[in-house]
Amino acid sequence: MDYKIRTILEGEDSLLQDFLYEAIFVPGGVPAPPKSIINQPELQVYIADFGKEKDDIGLVAEVDKKAVGAVWVRIMNDYGHIDNSTPSFAISLYKNYRGFGIGTALMQEMLHILKVRGYKQASLAVQKANYAVKMYLKTGFEIVDENEEEYIMLCRL
């Protein structure tokens, strides 16, 4: 599948809302939550005022000029928070575009950008049952902590 990765543009905030919702892992057989779930404070931390801080960095994957996935990082007190100098990842793709390597390419490009900008590491949290755990391990993340439901993962750059 042909795709292009580009920087998130100013004014594309609605894309992050869509992709934040897509990033919510829904186990098989469980109904998806309502879209309004992204308005909860623990999820708004991922997108509120995105782009206003120097540590806010976002990329979009496009197929035929349509955004099909996004990865974005910021230093925030989220589920994967390590410290105040470690950006946390959020990533998602629309379901029809998963399994084509687009997510891996987004992750690799963002890790490259972070390394070039001088960050030492990046983190994320992922539910243990999420198929994306394998991709995160493949792109250099390692499990550094866990609770009953999630892994906290870190990638040293």
Protein backbone atom coordinates (compact mmCIF):
# COMPACT_ATOMS: atom_id res chain seq x y z
CA MET A 1 0.00 0.00 0.00
CA ASP A 2 1.36 3.39 -0.96
CA TYR A 3 1.36 5.95 1.83
CA LYS A 4 3.03 9.21 2.70
CA ILE A 5 4.08 10.40 6.16
CA ARG A 6 3.91 14.11 6.87
CA THR A 7 3.87 16.50 9.82
CA ILE A 8 0.53 17.29 11.42
CA LEU A 9 -0.48 20.73 10.25
CA GLU A 10 -1.77 23.57 12.36
CA GLY A 11 -5.55 23.39 12.51
CA GLU A 12 -5.73 19.60 12.21
CA ASP A 13 -6.85 19.20 15.82
CA SER A 14 -9.93 17.26 14.76
CA LEU A 15 -7.66 14.58 13.31
CA LEU A 16 -6.15 14.01 16.73
CA GLN A 17 -9.62 13.63 18.23
CA ASP A 18 -10.46 10.97 15.65
CA PHE A 19 -7.19 9.13 16.09
CA LEU A 20 -7.36 9.34 19.89
CA TYR A 21 -10.68 7.52 19.71
CA GLU A 22 -9.18 4.97 17.30
CA ALA A 23 -6.29 4.43 19.75
CA ILE A 24 -8.64 3.09 22.43
CA PHE A 25 -8.12 -0.65 22.56
CA VAL A 26 -11.39 -2.55 22.49
CA PRO A 27 -10.99 -6.29 23.17
CA GLY A 28 -12.91 -8.68 20.92
CA GLY A 29 -16.52 -9.16 21.91
CA VAL A 30 -16.64 -5.91 23.89
CA PRO A 31 -18.71 -3.02 22.50
CA ALA A 32 -16.76 0.12 21.61
CA PRO A 33 -17.23 3.02 24.02
CA PRO A 34 -19.06 6.14 22.85
CA LYS A 35 -16.91 8.74 21.07
CA SER A 36 -17.57 11.10 23.99
CA ILE A 37 -15.12 9.03 26.06
CA ILE A 38 -12.28 11.14 24.63
CA ASN A 39 -13.64 14.11 26.60
CA GLN A 40 -12.55 12.50 29.87
CA PRO A 41 -9.62 14.39 31.48
CA GLU A 42 -7.33 11.34 31.47
CA LEU A 43 -7.71 11.16 27.67
CA GLN A 44 -7.79 14.90 26.96
CA VAL A 45 -4.20 15.08 28.24
CA TYR A 46 -3.20 13.50 24.91
CA ILE A 47 -4.72 16.19 22.68
CA ALA A 48 -5.73 19.34 24.60
CA ASP A 49 -3.90 22.35 23.14
CA PHE A 50 -1.67 20.06 21.08
CA GLY A 51 1.02 21.95 19.20
CA LYS A 52 1.46 24.73 21.74
CA GLU A 53 4.44 23.16 23.53
CA LYS A 54 7.87 22.50 22.00
CA ASP A 55 7.57 18.82 22.93
CA ASP A 56 4.33 18.39 20.93
CA ILE A 57 5.27 16.56 17.74
CA GLY A 58 2.83 14.85 15.40
CA LEU A 59 2.90 12.90 12.15
CA VAL A 60 0.10 11.76 9.88
CA ALA A 61 0.07 8.88 7.40
CA GLU A 62 -1.90 9.53 4.21
CA VAL A 63 -3.18 7.19 1.53
CA ASP A 64 -4.53 8.96 -1.55
CA LYS A 65 -4.29 12.28 0.34
CA LYS A 66 -6.57 10.97 3.11
CA ALA A 67 -5.26 10.78 6.69
CA VAL A 68 -5.39 7.11 7.73
CA GLY A 69 -3.14 7.14 10.81
CA ALA A 70 -1.29 9.38 13.20
CA VAL A 71 1.44 9.26 15.80
CA TRP A 72 2.01 12.06 18.24
CA VAL A 73 4.13 12.65 21.30
CA ARG A 74 4.19 15.12 24.10
CA ILE A 75 5.49 15.32 27.62
CA MET A 76 2.42 14.63 29.69
CA ASN A 77 1.28 12.92 32.83
CA ASP A 78 -0.43 10.04 31.05
CA TYR A 79 -0.62 6.29 31.58
CA GLY A 80 2.90 5.84 30.17
CA HIS A 81 4.49 8.77 32.03
CA ILE A 82 8.12 8.13 33.01
CA ASP A 83 9.40 11.63 33.85
CA ASN A 84 9.12 15.25 32.73
CA SER A 85 11.75 14.92 30.01
CA THR A 86 10.39 11.75 28.35
CA PRO A 87 7.79 12.17 25.61
CA SER A 88 4.87 9.75 25.66
CA PHE A 89 3.53 8.19 22.47
CA ALA A 90 0.02 7.96 21.10
CA ILE A 91 -0.58 6.18 17.80
CA SER A 92 -3.50 4.80 15.87
CA LEU A 93 -4.62 3.82 12.41
CA TYR A 94 -8.06 3.35 10.97
CA LYS A 95 -8.85 -0.38 11.06
CA ASN A 96 -8.75 -0.86 7.27
CA TYR A 97 -5.14 0.36 7.18
CA ARG A 98 -3.69 -1.84 9.91
CA GLY A 99 -1.31 -4.65 9.05
CA PHE A 100 0.40 -2.89 6.12
CA GLY A 101 3.45 -1.56 8.01
CA ILE A 102 2.12 1.99 8.23
CA GLY A 103 2.09 1.99 12.04
CA THR A 104 5.64 0.68 12.18
CA ALA A 105 6.77 3.36 9.72
CA LEU A 106 5.06 6.07 11.78
CA MET A 107 6.75 4.81 14.95
CA GLN A 108 10.17 4.61 13.32
CA GLU A 109 9.88 8.10 11.84
CA MET A 110 8.84 9.59 15.19
CA LEU A 111 11.65 7.80 17.04
CA HIS A 112 14.10 9.21 14.47
CA ILE A 113 12.74 12.75 14.96
CA LEU A 114 12.99 12.42 18.75
CA LYS A 115 16.58 11.19 18.53
CA VAL A 116 17.56 14.04 16.19
CA ARG A 117 15.98 16.52 18.61
CA GLY A 118 18.09 15.17 21.45
CA TYR A 119 15.59 13.17 23.47
CA LYS A 120 17.12 10.23 25.32
CA GLN A 121 14.03 8.04 25.53
CA ALA A 122 10.29 7.80 24.83
CA SER A 123 7.51 5.91 26.58
CA LEU A 124 4.04 4.53 26.07
CA ALA A 125 1.40 2.48 27.84
CA VAL A 126 -0.41 -0.35 26.10
CA GLN A 127 -2.98 -2.88 27.22
CA LYS A 128 -1.46 -6.34 27.49
CA ALA A 129 -4.03 -7.86 25.13
CA ASN A 130 -3.38 -5.26 22.40
CA TYR A 131 -1.92 -6.75 19.20
CA ALA A 132 0.28 -3.61 18.90
CA VAL A 133 2.54 -4.83 21.73
CA LYS A 134 4.49 -6.84 19.12
CA MET A 135 5.00 -3.76 16.93
CA TYR A 136 6.26 -1.72 19.89
CA LEU A 137 8.76 -4.45 20.80
CA LYS A 138 9.85 -4.63 17.14
CA THR A 139 10.47 -0.88 17.01
CA GLY A 140 12.75 -0.94 20.06
CA PHE A 141 10.47 -0.52 23.06
CA GLU A 142 10.92 -2.73 26.08
CA ILE A 143 8.60 -3.45 28.98
CA VAL A 144 9.81 -1.58 32.06
CA ASP A 145 6.73 -1.88 34.29
CA GLU A 146 3.28 -3.37 34.28
CA ASN A 147 0.05 -3.53 36.18
CA GLU A 148 -2.86 -5.92 35.88
CA GLU A 149 -3.99 -4.54 32.50
CA GLU A 150 -1.11 -2.60 30.94
CA TYR A 151 2.54 -2.61 30.09
CA ILE A 152 4.61 0.55 30.48
CA MET A 153 7.18 0.51 27.70
CA LEU A 154 10.32 2.53 27.11
CA CYS A 155 12.50 3.05 24.06
CA ARG A 156 16.01 4.34 24.62
CA LEU A 157 17.09 6.53 21.71
